[in-house]
Amino acid sequence: MEENFGGEEELDNIIILNDENGNEVKFEFLDLVDLDNEQYVVLLPVLEEGEEDDGEVVILKIEDTDEESEEESYVSVDNEETLMKVFNIFKEKFKDEFDFVDNDE
C-alpha cells in the first residue's frame, strides 16, 4: 500500500471560503481571537503564482451555526474599532513571530 505525504502538512491550516462572486479563495488560518464573548478568525490570503503579497490579514467573525450542520459561518466585520481590537490582540500574541508594519496613513 502506497501513502502519499507530499505537501499534506501545509494544507492542515488552509481554509477555503467563497467570495461575494462565488469564487473559492484560500486562506491560511493564523489565529482564533476571543473578544467580548465573540470569536474572530485571523486569516492570511494564500496567493496564487504571480500575485503580489501585501501582507494584509483578513479578520472575520464566526457566526453561530445550527448544531446539525456543524459548519461555521464567517461574516465580515464592519466596525473599525472591533477590527483594531482583534488585530491588536493578534499582534500581541504573535509579536515574536511576525514583523508587523504600522500603516498610519
C-alpha atoms as a PDB file:
ATOM      1  CA  MET A   1       0.000   0.000   0.000  1.00  0.00           C
ATOM      2  CA  GLU A   2       1.410   3.374  -1.028  1.00  0.00           C
ATOM      3  CA  GLU A   3       0.860   6.506   1.041  1.00  0.00           C
ATOM      4  CA  ASN A   4       1.445   9.994  -0.233  1.00  0.00           C
ATOM      5  CA  PHE A   5       2.503  12.543   2.377  1.00  0.00           C
ATOM      6  CA  GLY A   6       3.806  15.200  -0.011  1.00  0.00           C
ATOM      7  CA  GLY A   7       2.505  18.626   0.923  1.00  0.00           C
ATOM      8  CA  GLU A   8      -0.210  17.346   3.234  1.00  0.00           C
ATOM      9  CA  GLU A   9       1.143  19.128   6.300  1.00  0.00           C
ATOM     10  CA  GLU A  10       0.903  22.507   4.593  1.00  0.00           C
ATOM     11  CA  LEU A  11      -2.807  22.082   3.953  1.00  0.00           C
ATOM     12  CA  ASP A  12      -3.763  21.441   7.571  1.00  0.00           C
ATOM     13  CA  ASN A  13      -4.402  25.103   8.309  1.00  0.00           C
ATOM     14  CA  ILE A  14      -5.867  26.121   4.923  1.00  0.00           C
ATOM     15  CA  ILE A  15      -9.468  27.314   4.834  1.00  0.00           C
ATOM     16  CA  ILE A  16     -11.344  27.683   1.551  1.00  0.00           C
ATOM     17  CA  LEU A  17     -14.090  30.302   1.514  1.00  0.00           C
ATOM     18  CA  ASN A  18     -16.307  31.663  -1.240  1.00  0.00           C
ATOM     19  CA  ASP A  19     -16.123  35.369  -2.027  1.00  0.00           C
ATOM     20  CA  GLU A  20     -19.086  37.567  -2.960  1.00  0.00           C
ATOM     21  CA  ASN A  21     -18.839  36.315  -6.559  1.00  0.00           C
ATOM     22  CA  GLY A  22     -18.894  32.655  -5.548  1.00  0.00           C
ATOM     23  CA  ASN A  23     -15.187  32.164  -6.298  1.00  0.00           C
ATOM     24  CA  GLU A  24     -13.151  29.949  -3.999  1.00  0.00           C
ATOM     25  CA  VAL A  25     -10.463  31.811  -2.072  1.00  0.00           C
ATOM     26  CA  LYS A  26      -7.812  30.043   0.004  1.00  0.00           C
ATOM     27  CA  PHE A  27      -6.697  31.423   3.352  1.00  0.00           C
ATOM     28  CA  GLU A  28      -4.135  30.295   5.870  1.00  0.00           C
ATOM     29  CA  PHE A  29      -5.631  30.162   9.359  1.00  0.00           C
ATOM     30  CA  LEU A  30      -3.411  32.201  11.687  1.00  0.00           C
ATOM     31  CA  ASP A  31      -5.368  32.567  14.914  1.00  0.00           C
ATOM     32  CA  LEU A  32      -8.684  32.474  16.735  1.00  0.00           C
ATOM     33  CA  VAL A  33      -9.347  35.555  18.885  1.00  0.00           C
ATOM     34  CA  ASP A  34     -11.995  35.875  21.606  1.00  0.00           C
ATOM     35  CA  LEU A  35     -13.334  39.393  22.160  1.00  0.00           C
ATOM     36  CA  ASP A  36     -16.478  40.414  24.061  1.00  0.00           C
ATOM     37  CA  ASN A  37     -17.922  36.877  24.002  1.00  0.00           C
ATOM     38  CA  GLU A  38     -17.465  36.697  20.225  1.00  0.00           C
ATOM     39  CA  GLN A  39     -14.931  34.709  18.219  1.00  0.00           C
ATOM     40  CA  TYR A  40     -12.949  36.032  15.282  1.00  0.00           C
ATOM     41  CA  VAL A  41     -10.589  34.283  12.882  1.00  0.00           C
ATOM     42  CA  VAL A  42      -7.442  35.922  11.572  1.00  0.00           C
ATOM     43  CA  LEU A  43      -6.673  34.687   8.065  1.00  0.00           C
ATOM     44  CA  LEU A  44      -3.898  35.324   5.562  1.00  0.00           C
ATOM     45  CA  PRO A  45      -4.842  35.060   1.863  1.00  0.00           C
ATOM     46  CA  VAL A  46      -2.938  32.294   0.073  1.00  0.00           C
ATOM     47  CA  LEU A  47      -1.517  33.835  -3.076  1.00  0.00           C
ATOM     48  CA  GLU A  48      -1.591  32.266  -6.480  1.00  0.00           C
ATOM     49  CA  GLU A  49       1.571  32.321  -8.532  1.00  0.00           C
ATOM     50  CA  GLY A  50       2.297  35.837  -9.770  1.00  0.00           C
ATOM     51  CA  GLU A  51       0.129  37.620  -7.188  1.00  0.00           C
ATOM     52  CA  GLU A  52       1.801  40.255  -5.053  1.00  0.00           C
ATOM     53  CA  ASP A  53       1.788  39.858  -1.268  1.00  0.00           C
ATOM     54  CA  ASP A  54       0.568  42.973   0.526  1.00  0.00           C
ATOM     55  CA  GLY A  55       0.830  41.202   3.879  1.00  0.00           C
ATOM     56  CA  GLU A  56      -2.682  42.159   4.975  1.00  0.00           C
ATOM     57  CA  VAL A  57      -4.698  39.737   7.042  1.00  0.00           C
ATOM     58  CA  VAL A  58      -8.446  39.203   6.899  1.00  0.00           C
ATOM     59  CA  ILE A  59     -10.462  39.228  10.121  1.00  0.00           C
ATOM     60  CA  LEU A  60     -13.873  37.569  10.076  1.00  0.00           C
ATOM     61  CA  LYS A  61     -16.421  36.993  12.825  1.00  0.00           C
ATOM     62  CA  ILE A  62     -17.596  33.444  13.453  1.00  0.00           C
ATOM     63  CA  GLU A  63     -21.371  33.274  13.413  1.00  0.00           C
ATOM     64  CA  ASP A  64     -23.265  30.718  15.461  1.00  0.00           C
ATOM     65  CA  THR A  65     -24.342  27.788  13.379  1.00  0.00           C
ATOM     66  CA  ASP A  66     -27.055  25.257  13.832  1.00  0.00           C
ATOM     67  CA  GLU A  67     -25.741  22.189  15.600  1.00  0.00           C
ATOM     68  CA  GLU A  68     -26.968  19.822  12.881  1.00  0.00           C
ATOM     69  CA  SER A  69     -24.733  21.104  10.067  1.00  0.00           C
ATOM     70  CA  GLU A  70     -21.588  21.608  12.208  1.00  0.00           C
ATOM     71  CA  GLU A  71     -20.389  24.174   9.657  1.00  0.00           C
ATOM     72  CA  GLU A  72     -19.120  27.542  10.773  1.00  0.00           C
ATOM     73  CA  SER A  73     -20.231  30.710   9.077  1.00  0.00           C
ATOM     74  CA  TYR A  74     -17.844  33.654   8.692  1.00  0.00           C
ATOM     75  CA  VAL A  75     -19.014  37.233   8.263  1.00  0.00           C
ATOM     76  CA  SER A  76     -17.088  40.400   7.590  1.00  0.00           C
ATOM     77  CA  VAL A  77     -16.628  42.919  10.392  1.00  0.00           C
ATOM     78  CA  ASP A  78     -17.664  46.468   9.514  1.00  0.00           C
ATOM     79  CA  ASN A  79     -16.796  48.067  12.851  1.00  0.00           C
ATOM     80  CA  GLU A  80     -13.296  49.556  12.557  1.00  0.00           C
ATOM     81  CA  GLU A  81     -12.859  49.702  16.339  1.00  0.00           C
ATOM     82  CA  THR A  82     -13.635  45.990  16.695  1.00  0.00           C
ATOM     83  CA  LEU A  83     -11.249  45.144  13.852  1.00  0.00           C
ATOM     84  CA  MET A  84      -8.444  47.071  15.534  1.00  0.00           C
ATOM     85  CA  LYS A  85      -9.092  45.426  18.909  1.00  0.00           C
ATOM     86  CA  VAL A  86      -8.944  41.957  17.358  1.00  0.00           C
ATOM     87  CA  PHE A  87      -5.846  42.847  15.328  1.00  0.00           C
ATOM     88  CA  ASN A  88      -4.083  44.287  18.375  1.00  0.00           C
ATOM     89  CA  ILE A  89      -4.756  41.087  20.348  1.00  0.00           C
ATOM     90  CA  PHE A  90      -3.376  39.094  17.412  1.00  0.00           C
ATOM     91  CA  LYS A  91      -0.307  41.353  17.146  1.00  0.00           C
ATOM     92  CA  GLU A  92       0.443  40.994  20.853  1.00  0.00           C
ATOM     93  CA  LYS A  93       0.206  37.190  20.714  1.00  0.00           C
ATOM     94  CA  PHE A  94       2.447  36.905  17.652  1.00  0.00           C
ATOM     95  CA  LYS A  95       4.804  39.853  18.106  1.00  0.00           C
ATOM     96  CA  ASP A  96       7.812  37.497  18.156  1.00  0.00           C
ATOM     97  CA  GLU A  97       6.747  35.510  15.070  1.00  0.00           C
ATOM     98  CA  PHE A  98       5.757  38.219  12.575  1.00  0.00           C
ATOM     99  CA  ASP A  99       7.193  41.577  11.563  1.00  0.00           C
ATOM    100  CA  PHE A 100       4.272  43.970  11.817  1.00  0.00           C
ATOM    101  CA  VAL A 101       4.342  47.241   9.892  1.00  0.00           C
ATOM    102  CA  ASP A 102       2.103  50.039  11.122  1.00  0.00           C
ATOM    103  CA  ASN A 103       0.468  51.963   8.283  1.00  0.00           C
ATOM    104  CA  ASP A 104      -0.762  55.110   9.956  1.00  0.00           C
ATOM    105  CA  GLU A 105      -1.808  56.859   6.776  1.00  0.00           C
END
